[in-house]
């Protein structure tokens, strides 16, 4: 990207990617604002991606959101990853070379937290689930943004 026109094109494509990254978070957050039939539809949409256990899900005004804490953290990380892409785009060639390691490192706290909780060695909390999911979500959002920009070019 050398000229101003190319920068405008990048920002237009990046804005599209940011919108795509925000969409799942918006949909997962909307059930408290919907009637029962629409709420049930949104819950069903997210059912294949999350257990939706009420005790492990965020609630707003007493209404359960469409995903659990860990997945909600991941969804919050997606748009943050899109922002990270814009900030780190000049380092993209190096980051691309390290993609498998970046994904592994970002997923490791989530996997370790789950395993320690499963073995009863660590009490997972809503905050720990959201933070570990969010860390992975930032990495996933970076690569999602990169893929969208590549597809739009």
C-alpha atoms as a PDB file:
ATOM      1  CA  UNK A   1       0.000   0.000   0.000  1.00  0.00           C
ATOM      2  CA  UNK A   2       1.704   3.106  -1.179  1.00  0.00           C
ATOM      3  CA  UNK A   3      -0.860   5.662  -2.293  1.00  0.00           C
ATOM      4  CA  UNK A   4      -3.789   7.318  -0.505  1.00  0.00           C
ATOM      5  CA  UNK A   5      -6.317   5.495  -2.705  1.00  0.00           C
ATOM      6  CA  UNK A   6      -4.916   2.148  -1.602  1.00  0.00           C
ATOM      7  CA  UNK A   7      -5.166   3.236   2.040  1.00  0.00           C
ATOM      8  CA  UNK A   8      -8.822   4.183   1.511  1.00  0.00           C
ATOM      9  CA  UNK A   9      -9.470   0.766  -0.027  1.00  0.00           C
ATOM     10  CA  UNK A  10      -7.738  -0.941   2.915  1.00  0.00           C
ATOM     11  CA  UNK A  11      -9.836   0.968   5.468  1.00  0.00           C
ATOM     12  CA  UNK A  12     -13.036   0.214   3.572  1.00  0.00           C
ATOM     13  CA  UNK A  13     -12.219  -3.503   3.500  1.00  0.00           C
ATOM     14  CA  UNK A  14     -11.035  -3.430   7.109  1.00  0.00           C
ATOM     15  CA  UNK A  15     -14.268  -1.723   8.206  1.00  0.00           C
ATOM     16  CA  UNK A  16     -16.201  -4.536   6.542  1.00  0.00           C
ATOM     17  CA  UNK A  17     -14.094  -7.108   8.399  1.00  0.00           C
ATOM     18  CA  UNK A  18     -14.642  -5.268  11.691  1.00  0.00           C
ATOM     19  CA  UNK A  19     -18.406  -5.347  11.089  1.00  0.00           C
ATOM     20  CA  UNK A  20     -18.285  -9.070  10.377  1.00  0.00           C
ATOM     21  CA  UNK A  21     -16.268  -9.608  13.576  1.00  0.00           C
ATOM     22  CA  UNK A  22     -18.843  -7.642  15.624  1.00  0.00           C
ATOM     23  CA  UNK A  23     -21.888  -9.454  14.207  1.00  0.00           C
ATOM     24  CA  UNK A  24     -21.654 -12.691  16.265  1.00  0.00           C
ATOM     25  CA  UNK A  25     -21.112 -10.644  19.446  1.00  0.00           C
ATOM     26  CA  UNK A  26     -24.152  -8.532  18.648  1.00  0.00           C
ATOM     27  CA  UNK A  27     -26.313 -11.580  17.928  1.00  0.00           C
ATOM     28  CA  UNK A  28     -25.178 -13.380  21.093  1.00  0.00           C
ATOM     29  CA  UNK A  29     -25.938 -10.259  23.159  1.00  0.00           C
ATOM     30  CA  UNK A  30     -29.400  -9.493  21.789  1.00  0.00           C
ATOM     31  CA  UNK A  31     -31.692 -12.096  23.490  1.00  0.00           C
ATOM     32  CA  UNK A  32     -32.662  -9.809  26.428  1.00  0.00           C
ATOM     33  CA  UNK A  33     -34.012  -7.295  23.911  1.00  0.00           C
ATOM     34  CA  UNK A  34     -36.162  -9.778  21.962  1.00  0.00           C
ATOM     35  CA  UNK A  35     -39.499 -11.429  22.449  1.00  0.00           C
ATOM     36  CA  UNK A  36     -39.648 -15.117  23.381  1.00  0.00           C
ATOM     37  CA  UNK A  37     -39.898 -16.517  19.825  1.00  0.00           C
ATOM     38  CA  UNK A  38     -36.998 -14.431  18.463  1.00  0.00           C
ATOM     39  CA  UNK A  39     -34.967 -15.165  21.601  1.00  0.00           C
ATOM     40  CA  UNK A  40     -35.500 -18.895  21.061  1.00  0.00           C
ATOM     41  CA  UNK A  41     -34.372 -18.549  17.431  1.00  0.00           C
ATOM     42  CA  UNK A  42     -31.115 -16.796  18.405  1.00  0.00           C
ATOM     43  CA  UNK A  43     -30.457 -19.391  21.101  1.00  0.00           C
ATOM     44  CA  UNK A  44     -30.968 -22.147  18.540  1.00  0.00           C
ATOM     45  CA  UNK A  45     -28.541 -20.476  16.115  1.00  0.00           C
ATOM     46  CA  UNK A  46     -25.768 -20.561  18.736  1.00  0.00           C
ATOM     47  CA  UNK A  47     -26.656 -24.008  20.109  1.00  0.00           C
ATOM     48  CA  UNK A  48     -24.172 -25.915  17.865  1.00  0.00           C
ATOM     49  CA  UNK A  49     -21.303 -23.698  19.064  1.00  0.00           C
ATOM     50  CA  UNK A  50     -21.918 -23.567  22.806  1.00  0.00           C
ATOM     51  CA  UNK A  51     -23.422 -25.648  25.621  1.00  0.00           C
ATOM     52  CA  UNK A  52     -25.494 -22.642  26.782  1.00  0.00           C
ATOM     53  CA  UNK A  53     -25.600 -23.861  30.379  1.00  0.00           C
ATOM     54  CA  UNK A  54     -27.445 -21.166  32.368  1.00  0.00           C
ATOM     55  CA  UNK A  55     -24.974 -21.381  35.265  1.00  0.00           C
ATOM     56  CA  UNK A  56     -22.056 -20.764  32.891  1.00  0.00           C
ATOM     57  CA  UNK A  57     -23.650 -18.073  30.758  1.00  0.00           C
ATOM     58  CA  UNK A  58     -23.837 -14.317  31.165  1.00  0.00           C
ATOM     59  CA  UNK A  59     -27.247 -12.855  31.924  1.00  0.00           C
ATOM     60  CA  UNK A  60     -28.567  -9.380  31.329  1.00  0.00           C
ATOM     61  CA  UNK A  61     -31.643  -8.271  33.285  1.00  0.00           C
ATOM     62  CA  UNK A  62     -32.185 -11.910  34.234  1.00  0.00           C
ATOM     63  CA  UNK A  63     -32.166 -13.116  30.627  1.00  0.00           C
ATOM     64  CA  UNK A  64     -29.456 -15.535  29.500  1.00  0.00           C
ATOM     65  CA  UNK A  65     -27.276 -14.499  26.578  1.00  0.00           C
ATOM     66  CA  UNK A  66     -26.905 -16.937  23.689  1.00  0.00           C
ATOM     67  CA  UNK A  67     -23.488 -18.325  24.658  1.00  0.00           C
ATOM     68  CA  UNK A  68     -21.492 -19.242  27.759  1.00  0.00           C
ATOM     69  CA  UNK A  69     -18.793 -17.116  29.368  1.00  0.00           C
ATOM     70  CA  UNK A  70     -15.858 -18.619  27.453  1.00  0.00           C
ATOM     71  CA  UNK A  71     -17.528 -18.289  24.051  1.00  0.00           C
ATOM     72  CA  UNK A  72     -18.729 -14.794  24.928  1.00  0.00           C
ATOM     73  CA  UNK A  73     -15.126 -13.852  25.713  1.00  0.00           C
ATOM     74  CA  UNK A  74     -14.082 -15.329  22.376  1.00  0.00           C
ATOM     75  CA  UNK A  75     -16.770 -13.294  20.593  1.00  0.00           C
ATOM     76  CA  UNK A  76     -15.616 -10.130  22.381  1.00  0.00           C
ATOM     77  CA  UNK A  77     -12.076 -10.889  21.211  1.00  0.00           C
ATOM     78  CA  UNK A  78     -13.003 -11.092  17.525  1.00  0.00           C
ATOM     79  CA  UNK A  79     -13.444  -7.324  16.998  1.00  0.00           C
ATOM     80  CA  UNK A  80     -10.406  -6.672  19.193  1.00  0.00           C
ATOM     81  CA  UNK A  81      -8.463  -8.935  16.841  1.00  0.00           C
ATOM     82  CA  UNK A  82      -9.676  -6.851  13.901  1.00  0.00           C
ATOM     83  CA  UNK A  83      -8.360  -3.736  15.658  1.00  0.00           C
ATOM     84  CA  UNK A  84      -5.087  -5.576  16.343  1.00  0.00           C
ATOM     85  CA  UNK A  85      -4.841  -6.374  12.629  1.00  0.00           C
ATOM     86  CA  UNK A  86      -5.072  -2.685  11.723  1.00  0.00           C
ATOM     87  CA  UNK A  87      -2.393  -1.870  14.306  1.00  0.00           C
ATOM     88  CA  UNK A  88      -0.103  -4.737  13.294  1.00  0.00           C
ATOM     89  CA  UNK A  89      -0.641  -4.902   9.526  1.00  0.00           C
ATOM     90  CA  UNK A  90       2.953  -3.859   8.811  1.00  0.00           C
ATOM     91  CA  UNK A  91       4.106  -6.921  10.799  1.00  0.00           C
ATOM     92  CA  UNK A  92       1.734  -9.292   8.989  1.00  0.00           C
ATOM     93  CA  UNK A  93       4.448 -11.220   7.066  1.00  0.00           C
ATOM     94  CA  UNK A  94       6.196 -12.146  10.317  1.00  0.00           C
ATOM     95  CA  UNK A  95       2.924 -12.919  12.090  1.00  0.00           C
ATOM     96  CA  UNK A  96       1.817 -15.106   9.176  1.00  0.00           C
ATOM     97  CA  UNK A  97       4.993 -17.190   9.524  1.00  0.00           C
ATOM     98  CA  UNK A  98       4.225 -17.699  13.221  1.00  0.00           C
ATOM     99  CA  UNK A  99       0.477 -18.323  12.805  1.00  0.00           C
ATOM    100  CA  UNK A 100       0.390 -21.914  14.142  1.00  0.00           C
ATOM    101  CA  UNK A 101       2.434 -20.956  17.197  1.00  0.00           C
ATOM    102  CA  UNK A 102       0.318 -17.842  17.823  1.00  0.00           C
ATOM    103  CA  UNK A 103      -2.871 -19.909  17.687  1.00  0.00           C
ATOM    104  CA  UNK A 104      -1.401 -22.534  20.021  1.00  0.00           C
ATOM    105  CA  UNK A 105      -0.213 -19.956  22.551  1.00  0.00           C
ATOM    106  CA  UNK A 106      -3.551 -18.101  22.466  1.00  0.00           C
ATOM    107  CA  UNK A 107      -5.520 -21.345  22.930  1.00  0.00           C
ATOM    108  CA  UNK A 108      -3.267 -22.745  25.658  1.00  0.00           C
ATOM    109  CA  UNK A 109      -4.705 -20.730  28.607  1.00  0.00           C
ATOM    110  CA  UNK A 110      -8.221 -21.744  27.559  1.00  0.00           C
ATOM    111  CA  UNK A 111      -7.294 -25.437  27.353  1.00  0.00           C
ATOM    112  CA  UNK A 112      -5.260 -25.383  30.573  1.00  0.00           C
ATOM    113  CA  UNK A 113      -8.031 -23.553  32.434  1.00  0.00           C
ATOM    114  CA  UNK A 114     -10.617 -26.064  31.252  1.00  0.00           C
ATOM    115  CA  UNK A 115      -8.382 -29.057  32.105  1.00  0.00           C
ATOM    116  CA  UNK A 116      -7.490 -27.755  35.563  1.00  0.00           C
ATOM    117  CA  UNK A 117     -11.160 -27.134  36.268  1.00  0.00           C
ATOM    118  CA  UNK A 118     -12.114 -30.580  35.025  1.00  0.00           C
ATOM    119  CA  UNK A 119      -9.540 -32.192  37.329  1.00  0.00           C
ATOM    120  CA  UNK A 120     -10.722 -30.018  40.223  1.00  0.00           C
ATOM    121  CA  UNK A 121      -7.376 -28.245  40.561  1.00  0.00           C
ATOM    122  CA  UNK A 122      -8.541 -24.764  39.571  1.00  0.00           C
ATOM    123  CA  UNK A 123     -11.882 -23.095  40.158  1.00  0.00           C
ATOM    124  CA  UNK A 124     -12.863 -21.655  36.782  1.00  0.00           C
ATOM    125  CA  UNK A 125     -14.840 -18.474  37.228  1.00  0.00           C
ATOM    126  CA  UNK A 126     -16.895 -16.460  34.754  1.00  0.00           C
ATOM    127  CA  UNK A 127     -14.016 -13.964  34.564  1.00  0.00           C
ATOM    128  CA  UNK A 128     -11.337 -16.610  33.956  1.00  0.00           C
ATOM    129  CA  UNK A 129     -13.486 -18.228  31.259  1.00  0.00           C
ATOM    130  CA  UNK A 130     -14.116 -14.899  29.539  1.00  0.00           C
ATOM    131  CA  UNK A 131     -10.465 -13.843  29.689  1.00  0.00           C
ATOM    132  CA  UNK A 132      -9.082 -17.106  28.324  1.00  0.00           C
ATOM    133  CA  UNK A 133     -11.756 -17.201  25.613  1.00  0.00           C
ATOM    134  CA  UNK A 134     -11.052 -13.548  24.837  1.00  0.00           C
ATOM    135  CA  UNK A 135      -7.340 -14.167  24.364  1.00  0.00           C
ATOM    136  CA  UNK A 136      -8.084 -16.840  21.779  1.00  0.00           C
ATOM    137  CA  UNK A 137     -10.750 -14.575  20.257  1.00  0.00           C
ATOM    138  CA  UNK A 138      -8.204 -11.807  19.633  1.00  0.00           C
ATOM    139  CA  UNK A 139      -5.983 -14.216  17.694  1.00  0.00           C
ATOM    140  CA  UNK A 140      -8.979 -15.623  15.812  1.00  0.00           C
ATOM    141  CA  UNK A 141     -10.205 -12.094  15.055  1.00  0.00           C
ATOM    142  CA  UNK A 142      -6.818 -11.164  13.623  1.00  0.00           C
ATOM    143  CA  UNK A 143      -6.861 -14.122  11.249  1.00  0.00           C
ATOM    144  CA  UNK A 144     -10.550 -13.666  10.435  1.00  0.00           C
ATOM    145  CA  UNK A 145      -9.836 -10.059   9.463  1.00  0.00           C
ATOM    146  CA  UNK A 146      -6.869 -11.128   7.373  1.00  0.00           C
ATOM    147  CA  UNK A 147      -8.983 -13.745   5.567  1.00  0.00           C
ATOM    148  CA  UNK A 148     -11.795 -11.246   4.883  1.00  0.00           C
ATOM    149  CA  UNK A 149      -9.358  -8.660   3.515  1.00  0.00           C
ATOM    150  CA  UNK A 150      -7.772 -11.296   1.302  1.00  0.00           C
ATOM    151  CA  UNK A 151     -11.194 -12.392   0.012  1.00  0.00           C
ATOM    152  CA  UNK A 152     -12.230  -8.811  -0.752  1.00  0.00           C
ATOM    153  CA  UNK A 153      -9.091  -8.017  -2.767  1.00  0.00           C
END
